[in-house]
mmCIF file of all heavy atoms, coordinates in Angstrom:
data_MODEL
# 
_entry.id   MODEL 
# 
loop_
_atom_site.group_PDB 
_atom_site.id 
_atom_site.type_symbol 
_atom_site.label_atom_id 
_atom_site.label_alt_id 
_atom_site.label_comp_id 
_atom_site.label_asym_id 
_atom_site.label_entity_id 
_atom_site.label_seq_id 
_atom_site.pdbx_PDB_ins_code 
_atom_site.Cartn_x 
_atom_site.Cartn_y 
_atom_site.Cartn_z 
_atom_site.occupancy 
_atom_site.B_iso_or_equiv 
_atom_site.pdbx_formal_charge 
_atom_site.auth_seq_id 
_atom_site.auth_comp_id 
_atom_site.auth_asym_id 
_atom_site.auth_atom_id 
_atom_site.pdbx_PDB_model_num 
ATOM 1   N N   . ALA A 1 1  ? 0.806  -1.230  0.000   1.00 0.00 ? 1  ALA A N   1 
ATOM 2   C CA  . ALA A 1 1  ? 0.000  0.000   0.000   1.00 0.00 ? 1  ALA A CA  1 
ATOM 3   C C   . ALA A 1 1  ? 0.838  1.278   0.000   1.00 0.00 ? 1  ALA A C   1 
ATOM 4   O O   . ALA A 1 1  ? 0.476  2.229   -0.706  1.00 0.00 ? 1  ALA A O   1 
ATOM 5   C CB  . ALA A 1 1  ? -0.954 -0.010  1.192   1.00 0.00 ? 1  ALA A CB  1 
ATOM 6   N N   . PRO A 1 2  ? 1.940  1.368   0.753   1.00 0.00 ? 2  PRO A N   1 
ATOM 7   C CA  . PRO A 1 2  ? 2.714  2.615   0.713   1.00 0.00 ? 2  PRO A CA  1 
ATOM 8   C C   . PRO A 1 2  ? 3.245  2.954   -0.685  1.00 0.00 ? 2  PRO A C   1 
ATOM 9   O O   . PRO A 1 2  ? 3.149  4.096   -1.128  1.00 0.00 ? 2  PRO A O   1 
ATOM 10  C CB  . PRO A 1 2  ? 3.864  2.356   1.694   1.00 0.00 ? 2  PRO A CB  1 
ATOM 11  C CG  . PRO A 1 2  ? 3.318  1.353   2.650   1.00 0.00 ? 2  PRO A CG  1 
ATOM 12  C CD  . PRO A 1 2  ? 2.452  0.459   1.805   1.00 0.00 ? 2  PRO A CD  1 
ATOM 13  N N   . MET A 1 3  ? 3.760  1.954   -1.400  1.00 0.00 ? 3  MET A N   1 
ATOM 14  C CA  . MET A 1 3  ? 4.279  2.245   -2.743  1.00 0.00 ? 3  MET A CA  1 
ATOM 15  C C   . MET A 1 3  ? 3.153  2.493   -3.729  1.00 0.00 ? 3  MET A C   1 
ATOM 16  O O   . MET A 1 3  ? 3.285  3.322   -4.633  1.00 0.00 ? 3  MET A O   1 
ATOM 17  C CB  . MET A 1 3  ? 5.187  1.121   -3.233  1.00 0.00 ? 3  MET A CB  1 
ATOM 18  C CG  . MET A 1 3  ? 5.907  1.462   -4.530  1.00 0.00 ? 3  MET A CG  1 
ATOM 19  S SD  . MET A 1 3  ? 6.807  3.047   -4.530  1.00 0.00 ? 3  MET A SD  1 
ATOM 20  C CE  . MET A 1 3  ? 8.158  2.671   -3.458  1.00 0.00 ? 3  MET A CE  1 
ATOM 21  N N   . LEU A 1 4  ? 2.035  1.825   -3.561  1.00 0.00 ? 4  LEU A N   1 
ATOM 22  C CA  . LEU A 1 4  ? 0.881  2.111   -4.409  1.00 0.00 ? 4  LEU A CA  1 
ATOM 23  C C   . LEU A 1 4  ? 0.434  3.559   -4.220  1.00 0.00 ? 4  LEU A C   1 
ATOM 24  O O   . LEU A 1 4  ? 0.067  4.239   -5.180  1.00 0.00 ? 4  LEU A O   1 
ATOM 25  C CB  . LEU A 1 4  ? -0.264 1.147   -4.104  1.00 0.00 ? 4  LEU A CB  1 
ATOM 26  C CG  . LEU A 1 4  ? -0.022 -0.312  -4.512  1.00 0.00 ? 4  LEU A CG  1 
ATOM 27  C CD1 . LEU A 1 4  ? -1.135 -1.197  -3.959  1.00 0.00 ? 4  LEU A CD1 1 
ATOM 28  C CD2 . LEU A 1 4  ? 0.095  -0.449  -6.015  1.00 0.00 ? 4  LEU A CD2 1 
ATOM 29  N N   . ALA A 1 5  ? 0.486  4.054   -2.982  1.00 0.00 ? 5  ALA A N   1 
ATOM 30  C CA  . ALA A 1 5  ? 0.119  5.449   -2.701  1.00 0.00 ? 5  ALA A CA  1 
ATOM 31  C C   . ALA A 1 5  ? 1.108  6.407   -3.356  1.00 0.00 ? 5  ALA A C   1 
ATOM 32  O O   . ALA A 1 5  ? 0.705  7.442   -3.904  1.00 0.00 ? 5  ALA A O   1 
ATOM 33  C CB  . ALA A 1 5  ? 0.060  5.682   -1.194  1.00 0.00 ? 5  ALA A CB  1 
ATOM 34  N N   . VAL A 1 6  ? 2.395  6.082   -3.300  1.00 0.00 ? 6  VAL A N   1 
ATOM 35  C CA  . VAL A 1 6  ? 3.413  6.911   -3.959  1.00 0.00 ? 6  VAL A CA  1 
ATOM 36  C C   . VAL A 1 6  ? 3.138  6.960   -5.458  1.00 0.00 ? 6  VAL A C   1 
ATOM 37  O O   . VAL A 1 6  ? 3.150  8.034   -6.066  1.00 0.00 ? 6  VAL A O   1 
ATOM 38  C CB  . VAL A 1 6  ? 4.841  6.371   -3.686  1.00 0.00 ? 6  VAL A CB  1 
ATOM 39  C CG1 . VAL A 1 6  ? 5.863  7.015   -4.612  1.00 0.00 ? 6  VAL A CG1 1 
ATOM 40  C CG2 . VAL A 1 6  ? 5.225  6.591   -2.236  1.00 0.00 ? 6  VAL A CG2 1 
ATOM 41  N N   . ASN A 1 7  ? 2.887  5.801   -6.056  1.00 0.00 ? 7  ASN A N   1 
ATOM 42  C CA  . ASN A 1 7  ? 2.645  5.761   -7.494  1.00 0.00 ? 7  ASN A CA  1 
ATOM 43  C C   . ASN A 1 7  ? 1.379  6.517   -7.886  1.00 0.00 ? 7  ASN A C   1 
ATOM 44  O O   . ASN A 1 7  ? 1.351  7.183   -8.921  1.00 0.00 ? 7  ASN A O   1 
ATOM 45  C CB  . ASN A 1 7  ? 2.600  4.315   -7.980  1.00 0.00 ? 7  ASN A CB  1 
ATOM 46  C CG  . ASN A 1 7  ? 3.976  3.691   -7.973  1.00 0.00 ? 7  ASN A CG  1 
ATOM 47  O OD1 . ASN A 1 7  ? 4.990  4.366   -8.094  1.00 0.00 ? 7  ASN A OD1 1 
ATOM 48  N ND2 . ASN A 1 7  ? 4.023  2.384   -7.815  1.00 0.00 ? 7  ASN A ND2 1 
ATOM 49  N N   . GLU A 1 8  ? 0.355  6.430   -7.061  1.00 0.00 ? 8  GLU A N   1 
ATOM 50  C CA  . GLU A 1 8  ? -0.862 7.206   -7.336  1.00 0.00 ? 8  GLU A CA  1 
ATOM 51  C C   . GLU A 1 8  ? -0.557 8.698   -7.262  1.00 0.00 ? 8  GLU A C   1 
ATOM 52  O O   . GLU A 1 8  ? -0.991 9.470   -8.109  1.00 0.00 ? 8  GLU A O   1 
ATOM 53  C CB  . GLU A 1 8  ? -1.960 6.829   -6.341  1.00 0.00 ? 8  GLU A CB  1 
ATOM 54  C CG  . GLU A 1 8  ? -3.276 7.517   -6.621  1.00 0.00 ? 8  GLU A CG  1 
ATOM 55  C CD  . GLU A 1 8  ? -4.381 7.086   -5.679  1.00 0.00 ? 8  GLU A CD  1 
ATOM 56  O OE1 . GLU A 1 8  ? -4.291 5.974   -5.117  1.00 0.00 ? 8  GLU A OE1 1 
ATOM 57  O OE2 . GLU A 1 8  ? -5.323 7.877   -5.492  1.00 0.00 ? 8  GLU A OE2 1 
ATOM 58  N N   . TRP A 1 9  ? 0.210  9.120   -6.267  1.00 0.00 ? 9  TRP A N   1 
ATOM 59  C CA  . TRP A 1 9  ? 0.589  10.523  -6.115  1.00 0.00 ? 9  TRP A CA  1 
ATOM 60  C C   . TRP A 1 9  ? 1.376  11.009  -7.334  1.00 0.00 ? 9  TRP A C   1 
ATOM 61  O O   . TRP A 1 9  ? 1.223  12.144  -7.773  1.00 0.00 ? 9  TRP A O   1 
ATOM 62  C CB  . TRP A 1 9  ? 1.414  10.702  -4.838  1.00 0.00 ? 9  TRP A CB  1 
ATOM 63  C CG  . TRP A 1 9  ? 1.846  12.103  -4.580  1.00 0.00 ? 9  TRP A CG  1 
ATOM 64  C CD1 . TRP A 1 9  ? 1.114  13.095  -3.990  1.00 0.00 ? 9  TRP A CD1 1 
ATOM 65  C CD2 . TRP A 1 9  ? 3.116  12.677  -4.886  1.00 0.00 ? 9  TRP A CD2 1 
ATOM 66  N NE1 . TRP A 1 9  ? 1.857  14.256  -3.918  1.00 0.00 ? 9  TRP A NE1 1 
ATOM 67  C CE2 . TRP A 1 9  ? 3.097  14.016  -4.466  1.00 0.00 ? 9  TRP A CE2 1 
ATOM 68  C CE3 . TRP A 1 9  ? 4.275  12.175  -5.482  1.00 0.00 ? 9  TRP A CE3 1 
ATOM 69  C CZ2 . TRP A 1 9  ? 4.179  14.865  -4.613  1.00 0.00 ? 9  TRP A CZ2 1 
ATOM 70  C CZ3 . TRP A 1 9  ? 5.354  13.022  -5.635  1.00 0.00 ? 9  TRP A CZ3 1 
ATOM 71  C CH2 . TRP A 1 9  ? 5.297  14.351  -5.203  1.00 0.00 ? 9  TRP A CH2 1 
ATOM 72  N N   . LEU A 1 10 ? 2.204  10.127  -7.900  1.00 0.00 ? 10 LEU A N   1 
ATOM 73  C CA  . LEU A 1 10 ? 3.006  10.471  -9.072  1.00 0.00 ? 10 LEU A CA  1 
ATOM 74  C C   . LEU A 1 10 ? 2.200  10.467  -10.371 1.00 0.00 ? 10 LEU A C   1 
ATOM 75  O O   . LEU A 1 10 ? 2.690  10.904  -11.404 1.00 0.00 ? 10 LEU A O   1 
ATOM 76  C CB  . LEU A 1 10 ? 4.185  9.501   -9.206  1.00 0.00 ? 10 LEU A CB  1 
ATOM 77  C CG  . LEU A 1 10 ? 5.270  9.670   -8.152  1.00 0.00 ? 10 LEU A CG  1 
ATOM 78  C CD1 . LEU A 1 10 ? 6.228  8.489   -8.182  1.00 0.00 ? 10 LEU A CD1 1 
ATOM 79  C CD2 . LEU A 1 10 ? 6.016  10.980  -8.352  1.00 0.00 ? 10 LEU A CD2 1 
ATOM 80  N N   . GLY A 1 11 ? 0.966  9.966   -10.317 1.00 0.00 ? 11 GLY A N   1 
ATOM 81  C CA  . GLY A 1 11 ? 0.114  9.977   -11.494 1.00 0.00 ? 11 GLY A CA  1 
ATOM 82  C C   . GLY A 1 11 ? 0.047  8.670   -12.262 1.00 0.00 ? 11 GLY A C   1 
ATOM 83  O O   . GLY A 1 11 ? -0.541 8.622   -13.341 1.00 0.00 ? 11 GLY A O   1 
ATOM 84  N N   . TYR A 1 12 ? 0.640  7.619   -11.714 1.00 0.00 ? 12 TYR A N   1 
ATOM 85  C CA  . TYR A 1 12 ? 0.519  6.315   -12.369 1.00 0.00 ? 12 TYR A CA  1 
ATOM 86  C C   . TYR A 1 12 ? -0.923 5.834   -12.270 1.00 0.00 ? 12 TYR A C   1 
ATOM 87  O O   . TYR A 1 12 ? -1.632 6.160   -11.332 1.00 0.00 ? 12 TYR A O   1 
ATOM 88  C CB  . TYR A 1 12 ? 1.414  5.277   -11.673 1.00 0.00 ? 12 TYR A CB  1 
ATOM 89  C CG  . TYR A 1 12 ? 2.874  5.359   -12.018 1.00 0.00 ? 12 TYR A CG  1 
ATOM 90  C CD1 . TYR A 1 12 ? 3.763  6.020   -11.177 1.00 0.00 ? 12 TYR A CD1 1 
ATOM 91  C CD2 . TYR A 1 12 ? 3.384  4.750   -13.158 1.00 0.00 ? 12 TYR A CD2 1 
ATOM 92  C CE1 . TYR A 1 12 ? 5.123  6.069   -11.470 1.00 0.00 ? 12 TYR A CE1 1 
ATOM 93  C CE2 . TYR A 1 12 ? 4.727  4.792   -13.456 1.00 0.00 ? 12 TYR A CE2 1 
ATOM 94  C CZ  . TYR A 1 12 ? 5.594  5.455   -12.614 1.00 0.00 ? 12 TYR A CZ  1 
ATOM 95  O OH  . TYR A 1 12 ? 6.934  5.509   -12.898 1.00 0.00 ? 12 TYR A OH  1 
ATOM 96  N N   . HIS A 1 13 ? -1.329 5.024   -13.230 1.00 0.00 ? 13 HIS A N   1 
ATOM 97  C CA  . HIS A 1 13 ? -2.640 4.383   -13.164 1.00 0.00 ? 13 HIS A CA  1 
ATOM 98  C C   . HIS A 1 13 ? -2.511 2.930   -13.612 1.00 0.00 ? 13 HIS A C   1 
ATOM 99  O O   . HIS A 1 13 ? -1.631 2.596   -14.403 1.00 0.00 ? 13 HIS A O   1 
ATOM 100 C CB  . HIS A 1 13 ? -3.688 5.133   -13.993 1.00 0.00 ? 13 HIS A CB  1 
ATOM 101 C CG  . HIS A 1 13 ? -3.358 5.200   -15.447 1.00 0.00 ? 13 HIS A CG  1 
ATOM 102 N ND1 . HIS A 1 13 ? -2.544 6.175   -15.978 1.00 0.00 ? 13 HIS A ND1 1 
ATOM 103 C CD2 . HIS A 1 13 ? -3.712 4.412   -16.487 1.00 0.00 ? 13 HIS A CD2 1 
ATOM 104 C CE1 . HIS A 1 13 ? -2.415 5.982   -17.275 1.00 0.00 ? 13 HIS A CE1 1 
ATOM 105 N NE2 . HIS A 1 13 ? -3.110 4.918   -17.613 1.00 0.00 ? 13 HIS A NE2 1 
ATOM 106 N N   . GLU A 1 14 ? -3.380 2.089   -13.092 1.00 0.00 ? 14 GLU A N   1 
ATOM 107 C CA  . GLU A 1 14 ? -3.314 0.661   -13.388 1.00 0.00 ? 14 GLU A CA  1 
ATOM 108 C C   . GLU A 1 14 ? -3.719 0.406   -14.828 1.00 0.00 ? 14 GLU A C   1 
ATOM 109 O O   . GLU A 1 14 ? -4.740 0.897   -15.294 1.00 0.00 ? 14 GLU A O   1 
ATOM 110 C CB  . GLU A 1 14 ? -4.235 -0.113  -12.449 1.00 0.00 ? 14 GLU A CB  1 
ATOM 111 C CG  . GLU A 1 14 ? -4.138 -1.608  -12.625 1.00 0.00 ? 14 GLU A CG  1 
ATOM 112 C CD  . GLU A 1 14 ? -5.005 -2.369  -11.641 1.00 0.00 ? 14 GLU A CD  1 
ATOM 113 O OE1 . GLU A 1 14 ? -4.985 -2.057  -10.438 1.00 0.00 ? 14 GLU A OE1 1 
ATOM 114 O OE2 . GLU A 1 14 ? -5.698 -3.296  -12.105 1.00 0.00 ? 14 GLU A OE2 1 
ATOM 115 N N   . THR A 1 15 ? -2.888 -0.369  -15.517 1.00 0.00 ? 15 THR A N   1 
ATOM 116 C CA  . THR A 1 15 ? -3.211 -0.726  -16.892 1.00 0.00 ? 15 THR A CA  1 
ATOM 117 C C   . THR A 1 15 ? -3.311 -2.232  -17.082 1.00 0.00 ? 15 THR A C   1 
ATOM 118 O O   . THR A 1 15 ? -3.883 -2.690  -18.062 1.00 0.00 ? 15 THR A O   1 
ATOM 119 C CB  . THR A 1 15 ? -2.155 -0.191  -17.880 1.00 0.00 ? 15 THR A CB  1 
ATOM 120 O OG1 . THR A 1 15 ? -0.874 -0.703  -17.510 1.00 0.00 ? 15 THR A OG1 1 
ATOM 121 C CG2 . THR A 1 15 ? -2.123 1.323   -17.860 1.00 0.00 ? 15 THR A CG2 1 
ATOM 122 N N   . ALA A 1 16 ? -2.748 -3.010  -16.167 1.00 0.00 ? 16 ALA A N   1 
ATOM 123 C CA  . ALA A 1 16 ? -2.788 -4.468  -16.295 1.00 0.00 ? 16 ALA A CA  1 
ATOM 124 C C   . ALA A 1 16 ? -2.515 -5.094  -14.938 1.00 0.00 ? 16 ALA A C   1 
ATOM 125 O O   . ALA A 1 16 ? -1.985 -4.457  -14.037 1.00 0.00 ? 16 ALA A O   1 
ATOM 126 C CB  . ALA A 1 16 ? -1.751 -4.939  -17.300 1.00 0.00 ? 16 ALA A CB  1 
ATOM 127 N N   . ARG A 1 17 ? -2.878 -6.353  -14.817 1.00 0.00 ? 17 ARG A N   1 
ATOM 128 C CA  . ARG A 1 17 ? -2.555 -7.144  -13.632 1.00 0.00 ? 17 ARG A CA  1 
ATOM 129 C C   . ARG A 1 17 ? -1.828 -8.395  -14.087 1.00 0.00 ? 17 ARG A C   1 
ATOM 130 O O   . ARG A 1 17 ? -2.062 -8.891  -15.187 1.00 0.00 ? 17 ARG A O   1 
ATOM 131 C CB  . ARG A 1 17 ? -3.803 -7.524  -12.848 1.00 0.00 ? 17 ARG A CB  1 
ATOM 132 C CG  . ARG A 1 17 ? -4.410 -6.330  -12.152 1.00 0.00 ? 17 ARG A CG  1 
ATOM 133 C CD  . ARG A 1 17 ? -5.399 -6.754  -11.129 1.00 0.00 ? 17 ARG A CD  1 
ATOM 134 N NE  . ARG A 1 17 ? -5.945 -5.556  -10.485 1.00 0.00 ? 17 ARG A NE  1 
ATOM 135 C CZ  . ARG A 1 17 ? -6.580 -5.586  -9.358  1.00 0.00 ? 17 ARG A CZ  1 
ATOM 136 N NH1 . ARG A 1 17 ? -6.782 -6.722  -8.736  1.00 0.00 ? 17 ARG A NH1 1 
ATOM 137 N NH2 . ARG A 1 17 ? -7.054 -4.489  -8.834  1.00 0.00 ? 17 ARG A NH2 1 
ATOM 138 N N   . GLN A 1 18 ? -0.985 -8.886  -13.224 1.00 0.00 ? 18 GLN A N   1 
ATOM 139 C CA  . GLN A 1 18 ? -0.197 -10.071 -13.547 1.00 0.00 ? 18 GLN A CA  1 
ATOM 140 C C   . GLN A 1 18 ? -0.501 -11.169 -12.540 1.00 0.00 ? 18 GLN A C   1 
ATOM 141 O O   . GLN A 1 18 ? -0.619 -10.906 -11.346 1.00 0.00 ? 18 GLN A O   1 
ATOM 142 C CB  . GLN A 1 18 ? 1.288  -9.720  -13.483 1.00 0.00 ? 18 GLN A CB  1 
ATOM 143 C CG  . GLN A 1 18 ? 2.200  -10.874 -13.746 1.00 0.00 ? 18 GLN A CG  1 
ATOM 144 C CD  . GLN A 1 18 ? 3.669  -10.472 -13.662 1.00 0.00 ? 18 GLN A CD  1 
ATOM 145 O OE1 . GLN A 1 18 ? 3.999  -9.350  -13.342 1.00 0.00 ? 18 GLN A OE1 1 
ATOM 146 N NE2 . GLN A 1 18 ? 4.534  -11.399 -13.950 1.00 0.00 ? 18 GLN A NE2 1 
ATOM 147 N N   . THR A 1 19 ? -0.612 -12.375 -13.028 1.00 0.00 ? 19 THR A N   1 
ATOM 148 C CA  . THR A 1 19 ? -0.789 -13.533 -12.158 1.00 0.00 ? 19 THR A CA  1 
ATOM 149 C C   . THR A 1 19 ? 0.479  -14.367 -12.240 1.00 0.00 ? 19 THR A C   1 
ATOM 150 O O   . THR A 1 19 ? 0.940  -14.694 -13.329 1.00 0.00 ? 19 THR A O   1 
ATOM 151 C CB  . THR A 1 19 ? -1.988 -14.391 -12.598 1.00 0.00 ? 19 THR A CB  1 
ATOM 152 O OG1 . THR A 1 19 ? -3.154 -13.576 -12.546 1.00 0.00 ? 19 THR A OG1 1 
ATOM 153 C CG2 . THR A 1 19 ? -2.159 -15.600 -11.713 1.00 0.00 ? 19 THR A CG2 1 
ATOM 154 N N   . VAL A 1 20 ? 1.038  -14.678 -11.095 1.00 0.00 ? 20 VAL A N   1 
ATOM 155 C CA  . VAL A 1 20 ? 2.237  -15.501 -11.038 1.00 0.00 ? 20 VAL A CA  1 
ATOM 156 C C   . VAL A 1 20 ? 1.863  -16.836 -10.416 1.00 0.00 ? 20 VAL A C   1 
ATOM 157 O O   . VAL A 1 20 ? 1.272  -16.874 -9.340  1.00 0.00 ? 20 VAL A O   1 
ATOM 158 C CB  . VAL A 1 20 ? 3.346  -14.821 -10.208 1.00 0.00 ? 20 VAL A CB  1 
ATOM 159 C CG1 . VAL A 1 20 ? 4.565  -15.714 -10.099 1.00 0.00 ? 20 VAL A CG1 1 
ATOM 160 C CG2 . VAL A 1 20 ? 3.700  -13.476 -10.808 1.00 0.00 ? 20 VAL A CG2 1 
ATOM 161 N N   . MET A 1 21 ? 2.189  -17.899 -11.103 1.00 0.00 ? 21 MET A N   1 
ATOM 162 C CA  . MET A 1 21 ? 1.880  -19.232 -10.604 1.00 0.00 ? 21 MET A CA  1 
ATOM 163 C C   . MET A 1 21 ? 3.190  -20.008 -10.478 1.00 0.00 ? 21 MET A C   1 
ATOM 164 O O   . MET A 1 21 ? 4.096  -19.827 -11.283 1.00 0.00 ? 21 MET A O   1 
ATOM 165 C CB  . MET A 1 21 ? 0.920  -19.937 -11.555 1.00 0.00 ? 21 MET A CB  1 
ATOM 166 C CG  . MET A 1 21 ? -0.381 -19.170 -11.737 1.00 0.00 ? 21 MET A CG  1 
ATOM 167 S SD  . MET A 1 21 ? -1.458 -19.876 -12.971 1.00 0.00 ? 21 MET A SD  1 
ATOM 168 C CE  . MET A 1 21 ? -2.196 -21.184 -12.018 1.00 0.00 ? 21 MET A CE  1 
ATOM 169 N N   . THR A 1 22 ? 3.271  -20.837 -9.462  1.00 0.00 ? 22 THR A N   1 
ATOM 170 C CA  . THR A 1 22 ? 4.465  -21.646 -9.266  1.00 0.00 ? 22 THR A CA  1 
ATOM 171 C C   . THR A 1 22 ? 4.091  -23.115 -9.233  1.00 0.00 ? 22 THR A C   1 
ATOM 172 O O   . THR A 1 22 ? 2.946  -23.469 -8.949  1.00 0.00 ? 22 THR A O   1 
ATOM 173 C CB  . THR A 1 22 ? 5.197  -21.274 -7.963  1.00 0.00 ? 22 THR A CB  1 
ATOM 174 O OG1 . THR A 1 22 ? 4.321  -21.514 -6.862  1.00 0.00 ? 22 THR A OG1 1 
ATOM 175 C CG2 . THR A 1 22 ? 5.604  -19.811 -7.964  1.00 0.00 ? 22 THR A CG2 1 
ATOM 176 N N   . TRP A 1 23 ? 5.067  -23.955 -9.502  1.00 0.00 ? 23 TRP A N   1 
ATOM 177 C CA  . TRP A 1 23 ? 4.866  -25.387 -9.495  1.00 0.00 ? 23 TRP A CA  1 
ATOM 178 C C   . TRP A 1 23 ? 6.084  -26.009 -8.847  1.00 0.00 ? 23 TRP A C   1 
ATOM 179 O O   . TRP A 1 23 ? 7.219  -25.609 -9.117  1.00 0.00 ? 23 TRP A O   1 
ATOM 180 C CB  . TRP A 1 23 ? 4.709  -25.886 -10.923 1.00 0.00 ? 23 TRP A CB  1 
ATOM 181 C CG  . TRP A 1 23 ? 4.558  -27.378 -11.060 1.00 0.00 ? 23 TRP A CG  1 
ATOM 182 C CD1 . TRP A 1 23 ? 3.433  -28.094 -10.832 1.00 0.00 ? 23 TRP A CD1 1 
ATOM 183 C CD2 . TRP A 1 23 ? 5.558  -28.303 -11.452 1.00 0.00 ? 23 TRP A CD2 1 
ATOM 184 N NE1 . TRP A 1 23 ? 3.656  -29.423 -11.069 1.00 0.00 ? 23 TRP A NE1 1 
ATOM 185 C CE2 . TRP A 1 23 ? 4.976  -29.577 -11.451 1.00 0.00 ? 23 TRP A CE2 1 
ATOM 186 C CE3 . TRP A 1 23 ? 6.892  -28.194 -11.803 1.00 0.00 ? 23 TRP A CE3 1 
ATOM 187 C CZ2 . TRP A 1 23 ? 5.668  -30.725 -11.775 1.00 0.00 ? 23 TRP A CZ2 1 
ATOM 188 C CZ3 . TRP A 1 23 ? 7.583  -29.335 -12.127 1.00 0.00 ? 23 TRP A CZ3 1 
ATOM 189 C CH2 . TRP A 1 23 ? 6.976  -30.586 -12.113 1.00 0.00 ? 23 TRP A CH2 1 
ATOM 190 N N   . SER A 1 24 ? 5.875  -26.934 -7.977  1.00 0.00 ? 24 SER A N   1 
ATOM 191 C CA  . SER A 1 24 ? 6.954  -27.621 -7.299  1.00 0.00 ? 24 SER A CA  1 
ATOM 192 C C   . SER A 1 24 ? 7.106  -29.022 -7.873  1.00 0.00 ? 24 SER A C   1 
ATOM 193 O O   . SER A 1 24 ? 6.117  -29.738 -8.047  1.00 0.00 ? 24 SER A O   1 
ATOM 194 C CB  . SER A 1 24 ? 6.657  -27.706 -5.796  1.00 0.00 ? 24 SER A CB  1 
ATOM 195 O OG  . SER A 1 24 ? 7.594  -28.542 -5.163  1.00 0.00 ? 24 SER A OG  1 
ATOM 196 N N   . VAL A 1 25 ? 8.325  -29.417 -8.157  1.00 0.00 ? 25 VAL A N   1 
ATOM 197 C CA  . VAL A 1 25 ? 8.581  -30.754 -8.672  1.00 0.00 ? 25 VAL A CA  1 
ATOM 198 C C   . VAL A 1 25 ? 8.055  -31.797 -7.696  1.00 0.00 ? 25 VAL A C   1 
ATOM 199 O O   . VAL A 1 25 ? 7.434  -32.780 -8.084  1.00 0.00 ? 25 VAL A O   1 
ATOM 200 C CB  . VAL A 1 25 ? 10.085 -30.969 -8.926  1.00 0.00 ? 25 VAL A CB  1 
ATOM 201 C CG1 . VAL A 1 25 ? 10.384 -32.423 -9.279  1.00 0.00 ? 25 VAL A CG1 1 
ATOM 202 C CG2 . VAL A 1 25 ? 10.561 -30.044 -10.028 1.00 0.00 ? 25 VAL A CG2 1 
ATOM 203 N N   . ASP A 1 26 ? 8.288  -31.580 -6.407  1.00 0.00 ? 26 ASP A N   1 
ATOM 204 C CA  . ASP A 1 26 ? 7.819  -32.535 -5.386  1.00 0.00 ? 26 ASP A CA  1 
ATOM 205 C C   . ASP A 1 26 ? 6.307  -32.669 -5.387  1.00 0.00 ? 26 ASP A C   1 
ATOM 206 O O   . ASP A 1 26 ? 5.769  -33.764 -5.306  1.00 0.00 ? 26 ASP A O   1 
ATOM 207 C CB  . ASP A 1 26 ? 8.307  -32.111 -4.002  1.00 0.00 ? 26 ASP A CB  1 
ATOM 208 C CG  . ASP A 1 26 ? 9.820  -32.174 -3.906  1.00 0.00 ? 26 ASP A CG  1 
ATOM 209 O OD1 . ASP A 1 26 ? 10.444 -32.989 -4.626  1.00 0.00 ? 26 ASP A OD1 1 
ATOM 210 O OD2 . ASP A 1 26 ? 10.395 -31.408 -3.119  1.00 0.00 ? 26 ASP A OD2 1 
ATOM 211 N N   . ALA A 1 27 ? 5.600  -31.551 -5.489  1.00 0.00 ? 27 ALA A N   1 
ATOM 212 C CA  . ALA A 1 27 ? 4.138  -31.595 -5.495  1.00 0.00 ? 27 ALA A CA  1 
ATOM 213 C C   . ALA A 1 27 ? 3.638  -32.233 -6.774  1.00 0.00 ? 27 ALA A C   1 
ATOM 214 O O   . ALA A 1 27 ? 2.685  -33.002 -6.770  1.00 0.00 ? 27 ALA A O   1 
ATOM 215 C CB  . ALA A 1 27 ? 3.556  -30.203 -5.331  1.00 0.00 ? 27 ALA A CB  1 
ATOM 216 N N   . GLY A 1 28 ? 4.292  -31.955 -7.891  1.00 0.00 ? 28 GLY A N   1 
ATOM 217 C CA  . GLY A 1 28 ? 3.890  -32.509 -9.175  1.00 0.00 ? 28 GLY A CA  1 
ATOM 218 C C   . GLY A 1 28 ? 4.107  -34.010 -9.273  1.00 0.00 ? 28 GLY A C   1 
ATOM 219 O O   . GLY A 1 28 ? 3.365  -34.712 -9.932  1.00 0.00 ? 28 GLY A O   1 
ATOM 220 N N   . ALA A 1 29 ? 5.132  -34.526 -8.585  1.00 0.00 ? 29 ALA A N   1 
ATOM 221 C CA  . ALA A 1 29 ? 5.438  -35.958 -8.631  1.00 0.00 ? 29 ALA A CA  1 
ATOM 222 C C   . ALA A 1 29 ? 4.303  -36.775 -8.017  1.00 0.00 ? 29 ALA A C   1 
ATOM 223 O O   . ALA A 1 29 ? 4.004  -37.869 -8.479  1.00 0.00 ? 29 ALA A O   1 
ATOM 224 C CB  . ALA A 1 29 ? 6.752  -36.243 -7.897  1.00 0.00 ? 29 ALA A CB  1 
# 
């Protein structure tokens, strides 16, 4: 939230969202 507030103050606006997914070899086995 603090950096989001800084970016809003600077005039940035959201244009996209990213989803990060991980996979573990152990879980996959």
